[in-house]
Amino acid sequence: MKARRLVALGAAVTLLGTAVAATAPVIGAAAAERVHVQQTMGGIAVVAGWALLAWGIHQLGRLSR
């Protein structure tokens, strides 16, 4: 996969993960199990997006040499 596409994909996954975690219901307003799962999945998506961003930026740095 090209470096620019990795950066774009990483940004999109990070944005999606942030949206999932941010839209989780407030604890006490919904079933606590659902809140925890939604926040965890959003957090995992954010970390995966950061990893893709880091790898894409690393690849872009290697291309400039």
Protein backbone atom coordinates (compact mmCIF):
# COMPACT_ATOMS: atom_id res chain seq x y z
CA MET A 1 0.00 0.00 0.00
CA LYS A 2 1.30 3.45 -0.84
CA ALA A 3 2.45 5.73 1.97
CA ARG A 4 -0.07 8.47 1.24
CA ARG A 5 -2.92 5.96 1.29
CA LEU A 6 -1.69 4.61 4.62
CA VAL A 7 -1.74 8.11 6.09
CA ALA A 8 -5.24 8.75 4.74
CA LEU A 9 -6.49 5.37 5.98
CA GLY A 10 -4.91 5.97 9.40
CA ALA A 11 -6.60 9.36 9.66
CA ALA A 12 -9.96 7.87 8.67
CA VAL A 13 -9.69 4.99 11.16
CA THR A 14 -8.65 7.40 13.92
CA LEU A 15 -11.60 9.65 13.14
CA LEU A 16 -13.99 6.70 13.10
CA GLY A 17 -12.65 5.40 16.42
CA THR A 18 -12.97 8.81 18.00
CA ALA A 19 -16.56 9.11 16.78
CA VAL A 20 -17.47 5.67 18.13
CA ALA A 21 -15.95 6.37 21.54
CA ALA A 22 -17.39 9.88 21.74
CA THR A 23 -20.94 8.79 21.00
CA ALA A 24 -20.99 6.16 23.74
CA PRO A 25 -23.81 6.81 26.20
CA VAL A 26 -23.02 8.29 29.58
CA ILE A 27 -22.45 5.68 32.28
CA GLY A 28 -25.67 5.33 34.25
CA ALA A 29 -27.90 6.26 31.31
CA ALA A 30 -27.56 2.90 29.52
CA ALA A 31 -26.43 -0.60 30.28
CA ALA A 32 -22.90 -0.31 31.68
CA GLU A 33 -21.71 -3.29 29.64
CA ARG A 34 -22.67 -1.65 26.34
CA VAL A 35 -20.94 1.60 27.29
CA HIS A 36 -17.72 -0.19 28.16
CA VAL A 37 -17.71 -2.24 24.95
CA GLN A 38 -18.38 0.78 22.74
CA GLN A 39 -15.67 2.85 24.40
CA THR A 40 -13.20 -0.03 24.19
CA MET A 41 -13.89 -0.64 20.49
CA GLY A 42 -13.51 3.07 19.79
CA GLY A 43 -10.21 3.14 21.67
CA ILE A 44 -8.90 0.13 19.80
CA ALA A 45 -9.82 1.79 16.49
CA VAL A 46 -8.02 4.99 17.53
CA VAL A 47 -4.85 3.09 18.43
CA ALA A 48 -5.03 1.13 15.15
CA GLY A 49 -5.43 4.42 13.27
CA TRP A 50 -2.38 5.84 15.04
CA ALA A 51 -0.37 2.77 14.05
CA LEU A 52 -1.39 3.19 10.41
CA LEU A 53 -0.54 6.89 10.57
CA ALA A 54 2.86 6.16 12.08
CA TRP A 55 3.67 3.52 9.47
CA GLY A 56 2.53 5.78 6.64
CA ILE A 57 4.57 8.71 7.94
CA HIS A 58 7.57 6.41 8.32
CA GLN A 59 7.17 5.27 4.72
CA LEU A 60 6.86 8.88 3.51
CA GLY A 61 10.10 9.72 5.31
CA ARG A 62 11.87 6.83 3.60
CA LEU A 63 10.61 7.93 0.17
CA SER A 64 12.16 11.39 0.48
CA ARG A 65 15.71 9.99 0.78
